[in-house]
Amino acid sequence: MNRVIKLLVVDDHALFRRGLIGLLAEMPEFVVIGEASNGQEALTLLEKVRPDILLLDINMPVMDGIQALISLRKVSPDQKVLMLTISQNDDDLIGAIVAGANGYLLKNTEPEALRETILQVFAGNSVLSPEVTTRVLLTLRRAQSDRGRSLLSEREVDVLRCLARGQTTAQISGALFISENTVKTHIRHILEKMEVNNRAEAVAKASQMNLL
């Protein structure tokens, strides 16, 4: 590495904040150029100092980390921000990502993992703590599934499930007690709404969207 990475630590718990600063002082790649106890203090401090990375807690008084991040992105869209928090709350996690966090790390992370994450964020990568990665994927899948269910009618989802079982138009007609022409109409609507070309593609996409 050509130069030391400048950090700003923002956390409302003084004991943790000072402990983190002490830990970072033992790592030659980093230098802490400032500290703050809430989001508003951090924004004020950022008018005077220019850290490479902001280490930002979420749950803080006066202004929380997500609100601070939203405000920061309006004036400094390129500032790298690593959320360092105890929160595994889905709203906090997705809120931080949507607001533009470059990384999300839990406070129980081992020192070497923290060091590596800071280096990754500095290099321009986005990093999530392993413990929250699965939660992000599940949340996104649920959102995709909800979109799919709102996109298709209940009967169209029923037809899709029949298609996934390999049933023919006639078999679907008998299973759902509707005419074959009605089945064909549902299938045509499904293909149009899902923007696919055939039944196989519809089933594959439905599986990806967790509709089956």
N, C-alpha and C. Protein backbone atom coordinates (compact mmCIF):
# COMPACT_ATOMS: atom_id res chain seq x y z
N MET A 1 0.85 -1.21 0.00
CA MET A 1 0.00 0.00 0.00
C MET A 1 0.88 1.25 0.00
N ASN A 2 0.49 2.23 -0.78
CA ASN A 2 1.32 3.42 -0.95
C ASN A 2 1.18 4.42 0.18
N ARG A 3 0.00 4.46 0.81
CA ARG A 3 -0.19 5.46 1.87
C ARG A 3 -1.14 4.94 2.94
N VAL A 4 -1.12 5.65 4.05
CA VAL A 4 -1.98 5.28 5.18
C VAL A 4 -3.41 5.70 4.89
N ILE A 5 -4.37 4.86 5.27
CA ILE A 5 -5.79 5.13 5.05
C ILE A 5 -6.32 5.94 6.23
N LYS A 6 -6.93 7.08 5.92
CA LYS A 6 -7.47 7.97 6.95
C LYS A 6 -8.91 7.58 7.31
N LEU A 7 -9.17 7.45 8.60
CA LEU A 7 -10.48 6.99 9.08
C LEU A 7 -11.12 8.01 10.03
N LEU A 8 -12.45 8.05 9.98
CA LEU A 8 -13.23 8.83 10.94
C LEU A 8 -14.18 7.86 11.63
N VAL A 9 -14.14 7.81 12.95
CA VAL A 9 -14.94 6.85 13.73
C VAL A 9 -16.14 7.57 14.34
N VAL A 10 -17.34 7.03 14.09
CA VAL A 10 -18.56 7.64 14.61
C VAL A 10 -19.37 6.61 15.37
N ASP A 11 -19.47 6.79 16.69
CA ASP A 11 -20.21 5.86 17.55
C ASP A 11 -20.57 6.58 18.84
N ASP A 12 -21.79 6.37 19.33
CA ASP A 12 -22.22 7.10 20.52
C ASP A 12 -21.71 6.49 21.82
N HIS A 13 -21.19 5.27 21.78
CA HIS A 13 -20.65 4.64 22.99
C HIS A 13 -19.15 4.94 23.09
N ALA A 14 -18.81 5.82 24.01
CA ALA A 14 -17.42 6.28 24.12
C ALA A 14 -16.45 5.13 24.36
N LEU A 15 -16.87 4.16 25.19
CA LEU A 15 -15.98 3.05 25.52
C LEU A 15 -15.64 2.24 24.27
N PHE A 16 -16.67 1.94 23.48
CA PHE A 16 -16.42 1.20 22.24
C PHE A 16 -15.61 2.04 21.26
N ARG A 17 -15.97 3.31 21.15
CA ARG A 17 -15.29 4.20 20.20
C ARG A 17 -13.80 4.29 20.50
N ARG A 18 -13.48 4.50 21.79
CA ARG A 18 -12.06 4.61 22.16
C ARG A 18 -11.34 3.28 21.99
N GLY A 19 -12.04 2.18 22.30
CA GLY A 19 -11.44 0.86 22.11
C GLY A 19 -11.15 0.59 20.65
N LEU A 20 -12.08 0.99 19.77
CA LEU A 20 -11.88 0.79 18.34
C LEU A 20 -10.72 1.64 17.83
N ILE A 21 -10.65 2.87 18.30
CA ILE A 21 -9.55 3.75 17.89
C ILE A 21 -8.21 3.16 18.33
N GLY A 22 -8.20 2.61 19.54
CA GLY A 22 -6.98 1.98 20.03
C GLY A 22 -6.59 0.78 19.19
N LEU A 23 -7.59 -0.01 18.81
CA LEU A 23 -7.32 -1.19 17.97
C LEU A 23 -6.78 -0.77 16.61
N LEU A 24 -7.40 0.23 16.01
CA LEU A 24 -6.95 0.70 14.70
C LEU A 24 -5.55 1.30 14.74
N ALA A 25 -5.20 1.87 15.90
CA ALA A 25 -3.86 2.46 16.06
C ALA A 25 -2.77 1.40 15.99
N GLU A 26 -3.15 0.15 16.27
CA GLU A 26 -2.18 -0.94 16.22
C GLU A 26 -1.98 -1.47 14.79
N MET A 27 -2.80 -0.99 13.87
CA MET A 27 -2.71 -1.44 12.47
C MET A 27 -2.03 -0.35 11.65
N PRO A 28 -0.83 -0.62 11.14
CA PRO A 28 -0.05 0.43 10.46
C PRO A 28 -0.68 0.98 9.20
N GLU A 29 -1.67 0.28 8.65
CA GLU A 29 -2.30 0.77 7.41
C GLU A 29 -3.23 1.95 7.64
N PHE A 30 -3.61 2.17 8.92
CA PHE A 30 -4.66 3.15 9.20
C PHE A 30 -4.21 4.26 10.15
N VAL A 31 -4.89 5.41 10.01
CA VAL A 31 -4.74 6.48 10.99
C VAL A 31 -6.13 7.08 11.20
N VAL A 32 -6.52 7.25 12.46
CA VAL A 32 -7.81 7.84 12.79
C VAL A 32 -7.61 9.35 12.89
N ILE A 33 -8.32 10.09 12.05
CA ILE A 33 -8.13 11.55 12.01
C ILE A 33 -9.24 12.30 12.74
N GLY A 34 -10.23 11.55 13.28
CA GLY A 34 -11.30 12.21 14.00
C GLY A 34 -12.30 11.23 14.55
N GLU A 35 -13.13 11.69 15.49
CA GLU A 35 -14.17 10.86 16.07
C GLU A 35 -15.40 11.72 16.37
N ALA A 36 -16.57 11.08 16.39
CA ALA A 36 -17.81 11.78 16.68
C ALA A 36 -18.75 10.82 17.38
N SER A 37 -19.72 11.38 18.12
CA SER A 37 -20.62 10.55 18.91
C SER A 37 -22.01 10.42 18.29
N ASN A 38 -22.27 11.11 17.19
CA ASN A 38 -23.55 10.97 16.50
C ASN A 38 -23.41 11.47 15.07
N GLY A 39 -24.46 11.26 14.28
CA GLY A 39 -24.40 11.61 12.88
C GLY A 39 -24.21 13.09 12.62
N GLN A 40 -24.87 13.93 13.44
CA GLN A 40 -24.75 15.37 13.24
C GLN A 40 -23.33 15.85 13.50
N GLU A 41 -22.72 15.34 14.56
CA GLU A 41 -21.32 15.69 14.84
C GLU A 41 -20.43 15.27 13.68
N ALA A 42 -20.70 14.10 13.14
CA ALA A 42 -19.89 13.59 12.04
C ALA A 42 -19.99 14.51 10.81
N LEU A 43 -21.21 14.93 10.48
CA LEU A 43 -21.39 15.80 9.32
C LEU A 43 -20.67 17.13 9.51
N THR A 44 -20.71 17.65 10.73
CA THR A 44 -20.01 18.90 11.03
C THR A 44 -18.51 18.71 10.90
N LEU A 45 -18.02 17.59 11.41
CA LEU A 45 -16.59 17.30 11.36
C LEU A 45 -16.11 17.11 9.92
N LEU A 46 -16.98 16.52 9.11
CA LEU A 46 -16.61 16.26 7.72
C LEU A 46 -16.45 17.54 6.90
N GLU A 47 -16.90 18.66 7.44
CA GLU A 47 -16.68 19.94 6.77
C GLU A 47 -15.23 20.39 6.94
N LYS A 48 -14.53 19.77 7.91
CA LYS A 48 -13.16 20.19 8.22
C LYS A 48 -12.12 19.14 7.86
N VAL A 49 -12.50 17.86 7.91
CA VAL A 49 -11.54 16.79 7.62
C VAL A 49 -12.04 15.95 6.47
N ARG A 50 -11.13 15.26 5.80
CA ARG A 50 -11.48 14.43 4.65
C ARG A 50 -10.95 13.01 4.85
N PRO A 51 -11.71 12.16 5.53
CA PRO A 51 -11.26 10.78 5.71
C PRO A 51 -11.43 9.98 4.43
N ASP A 52 -10.65 8.92 4.30
CA ASP A 52 -10.86 8.01 3.18
C ASP A 52 -12.12 7.17 3.42
N ILE A 53 -12.30 6.78 4.69
CA ILE A 53 -13.45 5.95 5.03
C ILE A 53 -14.06 6.44 6.34
N LEU A 54 -15.38 6.47 6.36
CA LEU A 54 -16.14 6.81 7.57
C LEU A 54 -16.65 5.51 8.18
N LEU A 55 -16.27 5.24 9.43
CA LEU A 55 -16.79 4.08 10.15
C LEU A 55 -17.98 4.55 10.97
N LEU A 56 -19.18 4.10 10.61
CA LEU A 56 -20.42 4.73 11.09
C LEU A 56 -21.34 3.73 11.77
N ASP A 57 -21.69 4.03 13.02
CA ASP A 57 -22.69 3.23 13.75
C ASP A 57 -24.08 3.62 13.23
N ILE A 58 -25.09 2.82 13.56
CA ILE A 58 -26.45 3.13 13.11
C ILE A 58 -27.27 3.78 14.21
N ASN A 59 -27.46 3.09 15.33
CA ASN A 59 -28.35 3.58 16.38
C ASN A 59 -27.62 4.56 17.29
N MET A 60 -27.86 5.85 17.03
CA MET A 60 -27.22 6.91 17.81
C MET A 60 -28.23 8.02 18.07
N PRO A 61 -28.05 8.78 19.15
CA PRO A 61 -28.95 9.91 19.42
C PRO A 61 -28.70 11.07 18.47
N VAL A 62 -29.59 12.06 18.51
CA VAL A 62 -29.50 13.29 17.70
C VAL A 62 -29.74 12.99 16.23
N MET A 63 -28.83 12.23 15.63
CA MET A 63 -28.99 11.80 14.23
C MET A 63 -28.37 10.43 14.08
N ASP A 64 -29.18 9.45 13.63
CA ASP A 64 -28.65 8.10 13.50
C ASP A 64 -27.78 7.97 12.25
N GLY A 65 -27.14 6.81 12.12
CA GLY A 65 -26.19 6.61 11.04
C GLY A 65 -26.81 6.64 9.66
N ILE A 66 -28.00 6.09 9.52
CA ILE A 66 -28.62 6.05 8.20
C ILE A 66 -29.02 7.46 7.75
N GLN A 67 -29.59 8.25 8.66
CA GLN A 67 -29.93 9.62 8.32
C GLN A 67 -28.68 10.42 7.97
N ALA A 68 -27.61 10.19 8.73
CA ALA A 68 -26.35 10.88 8.43
C ALA A 68 -25.83 10.48 7.05
N LEU A 69 -25.96 9.20 6.73
CA LEU A 69 -25.50 8.71 5.43
C LEU A 69 -26.30 9.33 4.29
N ILE A 70 -27.62 9.41 4.47
CA ILE A 70 -28.48 10.03 3.46
C ILE A 70 -28.07 11.48 3.22
N SER A 71 -27.84 12.21 4.32
CA SER A 71 -27.43 13.63 4.21
C SER A 71 -26.05 13.74 3.56
N LEU A 72 -25.16 12.83 3.94
CA LEU A 72 -23.80 12.86 3.41
C LEU A 72 -23.77 12.61 1.91
N ARG A 73 -24.59 11.69 1.45
CA ARG A 73 -24.60 11.35 0.02
C ARG A 73 -25.02 12.54 -0.85
N LYS A 74 -25.80 13.47 -0.29
CA LYS A 74 -26.25 14.64 -1.05
C LYS A 74 -25.10 15.59 -1.35
N VAL A 75 -24.12 15.63 -0.45
CA VAL A 75 -23.02 16.59 -0.61
C VAL A 75 -21.70 15.91 -0.96
N SER A 76 -21.61 14.62 -0.66
CA SER A 76 -20.36 13.89 -0.91
C SER A 76 -20.66 12.47 -1.36
N PRO A 77 -21.13 12.31 -2.58
CA PRO A 77 -21.55 10.99 -3.06
C PRO A 77 -20.45 9.96 -3.15
N ASP A 78 -19.20 10.41 -3.20
CA ASP A 78 -18.09 9.47 -3.36
C ASP A 78 -17.43 9.08 -2.03
N GLN A 79 -17.87 9.67 -0.93
CA GLN A 79 -17.28 9.34 0.37
C GLN A 79 -17.55 7.86 0.69
N LYS A 80 -16.50 7.12 1.01
CA LYS A 80 -16.66 5.71 1.36
C LYS A 80 -17.13 5.60 2.81
N VAL A 81 -18.16 4.77 3.02
CA VAL A 81 -18.76 4.63 4.35
C VAL A 81 -18.92 3.14 4.68
N LEU A 82 -18.38 2.75 5.82
CA LEU A 82 -18.53 1.39 6.32
C LEU A 82 -19.39 1.44 7.58
N MET A 83 -20.56 0.82 7.54
CA MET A 83 -21.41 0.75 8.72
C MET A 83 -20.81 -0.28 9.67
N LEU A 84 -20.59 0.12 10.91
CA LEU A 84 -20.05 -0.78 11.93
C LEU A 84 -21.02 -0.76 13.10
N THR A 85 -21.80 -1.82 13.27
CA THR A 85 -22.96 -1.76 14.16
C THR A 85 -23.26 -3.11 14.78
N ILE A 86 -24.11 -3.11 15.79
CA ILE A 86 -24.58 -4.37 16.36
C ILE A 86 -25.89 -4.79 15.72
N SER A 87 -26.50 -3.92 14.93
CA SER A 87 -27.84 -4.16 14.42
C SER A 87 -27.86 -5.18 13.28
N GLN A 88 -28.71 -6.20 13.45
CA GLN A 88 -28.99 -7.14 12.37
C GLN A 88 -30.44 -6.99 11.91
N ASN A 89 -31.03 -5.86 12.29
CA ASN A 89 -32.41 -5.57 11.90
C ASN A 89 -32.49 -5.38 10.38
N ASP A 90 -33.47 -6.05 9.76
CA ASP A 90 -33.58 -6.00 8.30
C ASP A 90 -33.76 -4.57 7.79
N ASP A 91 -34.56 -3.76 8.51
CA ASP A 91 -34.79 -2.38 8.08
C ASP A 91 -33.50 -1.58 8.10
N ASP A 92 -32.68 -1.77 9.15
CA ASP A 92 -31.40 -1.07 9.23
C ASP A 92 -30.47 -1.52 8.11
N LEU A 93 -30.44 -2.82 7.90
CA LEU A 93 -29.54 -3.40 6.89
C LEU A 93 -29.88 -2.91 5.49
N ILE A 94 -31.13 -3.05 5.11
CA ILE A 94 -31.55 -2.62 3.77
C ILE A 94 -31.50 -1.10 3.67
N GLY A 95 -31.87 -0.41 4.76
CA GLY A 95 -31.82 1.05 4.76
C GLY A 95 -30.43 1.57 4.51
N ALA A 96 -29.43 0.94 5.14
CA ALA A 96 -28.05 1.37 4.96
C ALA A 96 -27.57 1.12 3.53
N ILE A 97 -27.95 -0.03 2.98
CA ILE A 97 -27.53 -0.36 1.62
C ILE A 97 -28.17 0.60 0.62
N VAL A 98 -29.46 0.84 0.79
CA VAL A 98 -30.18 1.75 -0.12
C VAL A 98 -29.61 3.17 -0.01
N ALA A 99 -29.23 3.56 1.21
CA ALA A 99 -28.69 4.91 1.42
C ALA A 99 -27.30 5.08 0.83
N GLY A 100 -26.65 3.96 0.50
CA GLY A 100 -25.37 4.06 -0.18
C GLY A 100 -24.16 3.63 0.61
N ALA A 101 -24.35 2.79 1.65
CA ALA A 101 -23.21 2.29 2.42
C ALA A 101 -22.33 1.41 1.53
N ASN A 102 -21.03 1.53 1.70
CA ASN A 102 -20.09 0.70 0.94
C ASN A 102 -19.84 -0.65 1.62
N GLY A 103 -20.22 -0.74 2.89
CA GLY A 103 -20.04 -1.99 3.61
C GLY A 103 -20.88 -2.01 4.86
N TYR A 104 -21.12 -3.22 5.39
CA TYR A 104 -21.94 -3.37 6.59
C TYR A 104 -21.30 -4.48 7.41
N LEU A 105 -20.79 -4.09 8.58
CA LEU A 105 -20.02 -5.02 9.41
C LEU A 105 -20.56 -5.00 10.83
N LEU A 106 -20.63 -6.18 11.45
CA LEU A 106 -21.09 -6.26 12.83
C LEU A 106 -19.93 -6.02 13.79
N LYS A 107 -20.26 -5.48 14.95
CA LYS A 107 -19.23 -5.11 15.92
C LYS A 107 -18.52 -6.31 16.54
N ASN A 108 -19.09 -7.49 16.40
CA ASN A 108 -18.42 -8.67 16.96
C ASN A 108 -17.40 -9.27 15.99
N THR A 109 -17.12 -8.54 14.92
CA THR A 109 -16.15 -8.99 13.92
C THR A 109 -14.74 -9.07 14.52
N GLU A 110 -14.00 -10.08 14.13
CA GLU A 110 -12.62 -10.22 14.60
C GLU A 110 -11.75 -9.10 14.00
N PRO A 111 -10.72 -8.67 14.74
CA PRO A 111 -9.87 -7.56 14.28
C PRO A 111 -9.32 -7.75 12.86
N GLU A 112 -8.87 -8.95 12.54
CA GLU A 112 -8.29 -9.16 11.21
C GLU A 112 -9.35 -9.02 10.11
N ALA A 113 -10.58 -9.46 10.42
CA ALA A 113 -11.67 -9.31 9.45
C ALA A 113 -12.03 -7.84 9.28
N LEU A 114 -11.99 -7.08 10.37
CA LEU A 114 -12.23 -5.64 10.29
C LEU A 114 -11.17 -4.99 9.42
N ARG A 115 -9.93 -5.33 9.66
CA ARG A 115 -8.82 -4.78 8.87
C ARG A 115 -9.02 -5.08 7.38
N GLU A 116 -9.34 -6.32 7.07
CA GLU A 116 -9.50 -6.73 5.67
C GLU A 116 -10.69 -6.02 5.02
N THR A 117 -11.76 -5.84 5.80
CA THR A 117 -12.95 -5.17 5.26
C THR A 117 -12.65 -3.71 4.93
N ILE A 118 -11.95 -3.03 5.82
CA ILE A 118 -11.58 -1.63 5.57
C ILE A 118 -10.73 -1.53 4.30
N LEU A 119 -9.79 -2.46 4.14
CA LEU A 119 -8.95 -2.46 2.95
C LEU A 119 -9.77 -2.71 1.69
N GLN A 120 -10.76 -3.61 1.80
CA GLN A 120 -11.63 -3.89 0.65
C GLN A 120 -12.47 -2.68 0.27
N VAL A 121 -13.03 -2.02 1.27
CA VAL A 121 -13.83 -0.82 1.01
C VAL A 121 -12.96 0.27 0.39
N PHE A 122 -11.75 0.44 0.91
CA PHE A 122 -10.83 1.44 0.37
C PHE A 122 -10.51 1.14 -1.10
N ALA A 123 -10.45 -0.15 -1.44
CA ALA A 123 -10.15 -0.55 -2.81
C ALA A 123 -11.35 -0.39 -3.75
N GLY A 124 -12.49 0.01 -3.18
CA GLY A 124 -13.66 0.26 -4.01
C GLY A 124 -14.67 -0.87 -4.04
N ASN A 125 -14.47 -1.88 -3.19
CA ASN A 125 -15.39 -3.01 -3.14
C ASN A 125 -16.49 -2.79 -2.12
N SER A 126 -17.60 -3.46 -2.30
CA SER A 126 -18.69 -3.46 -1.32
C SER A 126 -18.61 -4.73 -0.51
N VAL A 127 -18.72 -4.60 0.81
CA VAL A 127 -18.52 -5.76 1.68
C VAL A 127 -19.65 -5.85 2.71
N LEU A 128 -20.18 -7.06 2.87
CA LEU A 128 -21.18 -7.32 3.90
C LEU A 128 -20.63 -8.34 4.87
N SER A 129 -20.94 -8.15 6.15
CA SER A 129 -20.57 -9.13 7.17
C SER A 129 -21.22 -10.46 6.80
N PRO A 130 -20.49 -11.58 6.92
CA PRO A 130 -21.07 -12.89 6.57
C PRO A 130 -22.39 -13.16 7.26
N GLU A 131 -22.54 -12.67 8.50
CA GLU A 131 -23.76 -12.94 9.26
C GLU A 131 -24.98 -12.27 8.65
N VAL A 132 -24.79 -11.20 7.91
CA VAL A 132 -25.94 -10.48 7.36
C VAL A 132 -26.16 -10.73 5.88
N THR A 133 -25.19 -11.35 5.22
CA THR A 133 -25.32 -11.60 3.78
C THR A 133 -26.55 -12.44 3.48
N THR A 134 -26.74 -13.51 4.25
CA THR A 134 -27.90 -14.38 4.05
C THR A 134 -29.19 -13.62 4.26
N ARG A 135 -29.21 -12.73 5.25
CA ARG A 135 -30.42 -11.95 5.53
C ARG A 135 -30.75 -11.02 4.37
N VAL A 136 -29.74 -10.45 3.75
CA VAL A 136 -29.96 -9.58 2.60
C VAL A 136 -30.57 -10.38 1.45
N LEU A 137 -29.99 -11.54 1.19
CA LEU A 137 -30.49 -12.36 0.08
C LEU A 137 -31.93 -12.79 0.33
N LEU A 138 -32.23 -13.19 1.57
CA LEU A 138 -33.59 -13.61 1.89
C LEU A 138 -34.57 -12.45 1.75
N THR A 139 -34.15 -11.27 2.20
CA THR A 139 -35.01 -10.10 2.10
C THR A 139 -35.29 -9.74 0.64
N LEU A 140 -34.25 -9.81 -0.19
CA LEU A 140 -34.42 -9.50 -1.61
C LEU A 140 -35.30 -10.54 -2.28
N ARG A 141 -35.13 -11.81 -1.89
CA ARG A 141 -35.97 -12.85 -2.48
C ARG A 141 -37.42 -12.68 -2.09
N ARG A 142 -37.65 -12.30 -0.81
CA ARG A 142 -39.02 -12.07 -0.37
C ARG A 142 -39.64 -10.91 -1.15
N ALA A 143 -38.84 -9.86 -1.35
CA ALA A 143 -39.35 -8.70 -2.09
C ALA A 143 -39.67 -9.08 -3.53
N GLN A 144 -38.79 -9.89 -4.13
CA GLN A 144 -39.02 -10.32 -5.50
C GLN A 144 -40.26 -11.20 -5.59
N SER A 145 -40.41 -12.09 -4.59
CA SER A 145 -41.59 -12.96 -4.55
C SER A 145 -42.86 -12.13 -4.40
N ASP A 146 -42.82 -11.13 -3.53
CA ASP A 146 -44.00 -10.27 -3.32
C ASP A 146 -44.36 -9.53 -4.61
N ARG A 147 -43.33 -9.05 -5.34
CA ARG A 147 -43.58 -8.37 -6.61
C ARG A 147 -44.24 -9.32 -7.60
N GLY A 148 -43.74 -10.58 -7.60
CA GLY A 148 -44.30 -11.55 -8.52
C GLY A 148 -45.75 -11.87 -8.20
N ARG A 149 -46.04 -11.97 -6.91
CA ARG A 149 -47.42 -12.29 -6.51
C ARG A 149 -48.36 -11.13 -6.81
N SER A 150 -47.87 -9.91 -6.73
CA SER A 150 -48.72 -8.77 -7.07
C SER A 150 -48.86 -8.63 -8.58
N LEU A 151 -47.87 -9.16 -9.31
CA LEU A 151 -47.90 -9.09 -10.76
C LEU A 151 -48.92 -10.05 -11.35
N LEU A 152 -49.00 -11.26 -10.77
CA LEU A 152 -49.88 -12.30 -11.28
C LEU A 152 -51.11 -12.45 -10.39
N SER A 153 -52.20 -12.85 -11.02
CA SER A 153 -53.41 -13.15 -10.24
C SER A 153 -53.24 -14.48 -9.52
N GLU A 154 -54.09 -14.72 -8.54
CA GLU A 154 -54.02 -15.98 -7.79
C GLU A 154 -54.20 -17.18 -8.72
N ARG A 155 -55.13 -17.05 -9.68
CA ARG A 155 -55.38 -18.15 -10.61
C ARG A 155 -54.19 -18.37 -11.53
N GLU A 156 -53.52 -17.28 -11.93
CA GLU A 156 -52.33 -17.42 -12.78
C GLU A 156 -51.20 -18.12 -12.04
N VAL A 157 -51.08 -17.86 -10.75
CA VAL A 157 -50.08 -18.56 -9.95
C VAL A 157 -50.43 -20.04 -9.87
N ASP A 158 -51.72 -20.36 -9.74
CA ASP A 158 -52.15 -21.76 -9.73
C ASP A 158 -51.75 -22.46 -11.03
N VAL A 159 -51.98 -21.77 -12.14
CA VAL A 159 -51.62 -22.34 -13.45
C VAL A 159 -50.11 -22.54 -13.55
N LEU A 160 -49.36 -21.58 -13.07
CA LEU A 160 -47.90 -21.68 -13.08
C LEU A 160 -47.43 -22.92 -12.32
N ARG A 161 -48.01 -23.16 -11.18
CA ARG A 161 -47.64 -24.32 -10.37
C ARG A 161 -47.95 -25.63 -11.09
N CYS A 162 -49.05 -25.62 -11.82
CA CYS A 162 -49.38 -26.80 -12.62
C CYS A 162 -48.35 -26.99 -13.74
N LEU A 163 -47.97 -25.90 -14.37
CA LEU A 163 -46.95 -25.98 -15.40
C LEU A 163 -45.64 -26.52 -14.84
N ALA A 164 -45.32 -26.09 -13.63
CA ALA A 164 -44.08 -26.54 -12.99
C ALA A 164 -44.11 -28.05 -12.72
N ARG A 165 -45.31 -28.60 -12.56
CA ARG A 165 -45.44 -30.06 -12.36
C ARG A 165 -45.47 -30.81 -13.68
N GLY A 166 -45.34 -30.06 -14.78
CA GLY A 166 -45.29 -30.70 -16.08
C GLY A 166 -46.64 -31.05 -16.66
N GLN A 167 -47.70 -30.46 -16.13
CA GLN A 167 -49.04 -30.80 -16.60
C GLN A 167 -49.34 -30.14 -17.94
N THR A 168 -50.13 -30.83 -18.75
CA THR A 168 -50.55 -30.31 -20.04
C THR A 168 -51.73 -29.36 -19.86
N THR A 169 -52.12 -28.71 -20.94
CA THR A 169 -53.28 -27.81 -20.88
C THR A 169 -54.53 -28.56 -20.43
N ALA A 170 -54.72 -29.75 -20.97
CA ALA A 170 -55.89 -30.55 -20.60
C ALA A 170 -55.85 -30.94 -19.13
N GLN A 171 -54.67 -31.31 -18.64
CA GLN A 171 -54.54 -31.72 -17.24
C GLN A 171 -54.78 -30.53 -16.30
N ILE A 172 -54.27 -29.37 -16.69
CA ILE A 172 -54.51 -28.17 -15.88
C ILE A 172 -55.99 -27.83 -15.86
N SER A 173 -56.64 -27.98 -17.01
CA SER A 173 -58.08 -27.72 -17.10
C SER A 173 -58.84 -28.59 -16.12
N GLY A 174 -58.49 -29.89 -16.07
CA GLY A 174 -59.17 -30.80 -15.16
C GLY A 174 -58.85 -30.53 -13.71
N ALA A 175 -57.60 -30.16 -13.44
CA ALA A 175 -57.18 -29.94 -12.05
C ALA A 175 -57.81 -28.69 -11.45
N LEU A 176 -57.97 -27.67 -12.28
CA LEU A 176 -58.48 -26.37 -11.79
C LEU A 176 -59.96 -26.14 -12.12
N PHE A 177 -60.55 -27.11 -12.81
CA PHE A 177 -61.97 -27.02 -13.16
C PHE A 177 -62.29 -25.78 -14.00
N ILE A 178 -61.43 -25.54 -14.98
CA ILE A 178 -61.66 -24.45 -15.93
C ILE A 178 -61.46 -25.00 -17.33
N SER A 179 -61.96 -24.30 -18.33
CA SER A 179 -61.86 -24.79 -19.71
C SER A 179 -60.42 -24.67 -20.21
N GLU A 180 -60.13 -25.46 -21.26
CA GLU A 180 -58.80 -25.42 -21.83
C GLU A 180 -58.51 -24.04 -22.45
N ASN A 181 -59.52 -23.42 -23.00
CA ASN A 181 -59.33 -22.07 -23.56
C ASN A 181 -58.96 -21.07 -22.47
N THR A 182 -59.59 -21.24 -21.30
CA THR A 182 -59.26 -20.36 -20.17
C THR A 182 -57.83 -20.59 -19.70
N VAL A 183 -57.42 -21.86 -19.69
CA VAL A 183 -56.02 -22.18 -19.33
C VAL A 183 -55.07 -21.50 -20.30
N LYS A 184 -55.36 -21.60 -21.58
CA LYS A 184 -54.49 -20.99 -22.60
C LYS A 184 -54.43 -19.47 -22.43
N THR A 185 -55.57 -18.87 -22.07
CA THR A 185 -55.60 -17.42 -21.84
C THR A 185 -54.72 -17.06 -20.65
N HIS A 186 -54.83 -17.83 -19.57
CA HIS A 186 -54.00 -17.57 -18.38
C HIS A 186 -52.52 -17.69 -18.73
N ILE A 187 -52.19 -18.72 -19.51
CA ILE A 187 -50.79 -18.93 -19.87
C ILE A 187 -50.28 -17.77 -20.72
N ARG A 188 -51.09 -17.29 -21.65
CA ARG A 188 -50.70 -16.16 -22.48
C ARG A 188 -50.45 -14.92 -21.62
N HIS A 189 -51.33 -14.69 -20.64
CA HIS A 189 -51.15 -13.54 -19.73
C HIS A 189 -49.90 -13.70 -18.88
N ILE A 190 -49.64 -14.92 -18.43
CA ILE A 190 -48.45 -15.19 -17.63
C ILE A 190 -47.18 -14.85 -18.42
N LEU A 191 -47.13 -15.32 -19.66
CA LEU A 191 -45.95 -15.07 -20.50
C LEU A 191 -45.76 -13.58 -20.75
N GLU A 192 -46.85 -12.87 -20.97
CA GLU A 192 -46.77 -11.43 -21.21
C GLU A 192 -46.29 -10.69 -19.96
N LYS A 193 -46.90 -11.01 -18.82
CA LYS A 193 -46.56 -10.31 -17.58
C LYS A 193 -45.13 -10.60 -17.12
N MET A 194 -44.68 -11.84 -17.33
CA MET A 194 -43.34 -12.22 -16.88
C MET A 194 -42.28 -11.94 -17.94
N GLU A 195 -42.75 -11.49 -19.11
CA GLU A 195 -41.84 -11.13 -20.20
C GLU A 195 -40.94 -12.30 -20.58
N VAL A 196 -41.55 -13.45 -20.80
CA VAL A 196 -40.84 -14.64 -21.23
C VAL A 196 -41.50 -15.17 -22.50
N ASN A 197 -40.83 -16.12 -23.15
CA ASN A 197 -41.28 -16.58 -24.47
C ASN A 197 -42.06 -17.89 -24.46
N ASN A 198 -41.89 -18.70 -23.42
CA ASN A 198 -42.56 -19.99 -23.40
C ASN A 198 -42.79 -20.46 -21.98
N ARG A 199 -43.44 -21.62 -21.87
CA ARG A 199 -43.81 -22.14 -20.56
C ARG A 199 -42.58 -22.48 -19.71
N ALA A 200 -41.58 -23.06 -20.35
CA ALA A 200 -40.37 -23.45 -19.61
C ALA A 200 -39.69 -22.23 -18.99
N GLU A 201 -39.61 -21.15 -19.77
CA GLU A 201 -39.00 -19.93 -19.25
C GLU A 201 -39.84 -19.35 -18.11
N ALA A 202 -41.15 -19.45 -18.24
CA ALA A 202 -42.04 -18.94 -17.18
C ALA A 202 -41.81 -19.70 -15.88
N VAL A 203 -41.69 -21.02 -15.97
CA VAL A 203 -41.47 -21.84 -14.78
C VAL A 203 -40.11 -21.53 -14.16
N ALA A 204 -39.09 -21.37 -15.00
CA ALA A 204 -37.75 -21.07 -14.50
C ALA A 204 -37.72 -19.72 -13.79
N LYS A 205 -38.37 -18.74 -14.39
CA LYS A 205 -38.39 -17.40 -13.78
C LYS A 205 -39.21 -17.40 -12.50
N ALA A 206 -40.32 -18.15 -12.51
CA ALA A 206 -41.15 -18.25 -11.30
C ALA A 206 -40.38 -18.88 -10.16
N SER A 207 -39.55 -19.86 -10.49
CA SER A 207 -38.73 -20.50 -9.47
C SER A 207 -37.72 -19.52 -8.88
N GLN A 208 -37.12 -18.71 -9.74
CA GLN A 208 -36.17 -17.69 -9.28
C GLN A 208 -36.85 -16.67 -8.39
N MET A 209 -38.12 -16.39 -8.67
CA MET A 209 -38.88 -15.40 -7.91
C MET A 209 -39.57 -16.01 -6.69
N ASN A 210 -39.30 -17.30 -6.46
CA ASN A 210 -39.85 -17.98 -5.28
C ASN A 210 -41.39 -17.99 -5.29
N LEU A 211 -41.96 -18.18 -6.48
CA LEU A 211 -43.41 -18.18 -6.61
C LEU A 211 -44.01 -19.58 -6.52
N LEU A 212 -43.17 -20.59 -6.68
CA LEU A 212 -43.70 -21.95 -6.77
C LEU A 212 -43.72 -22.65 -5.41
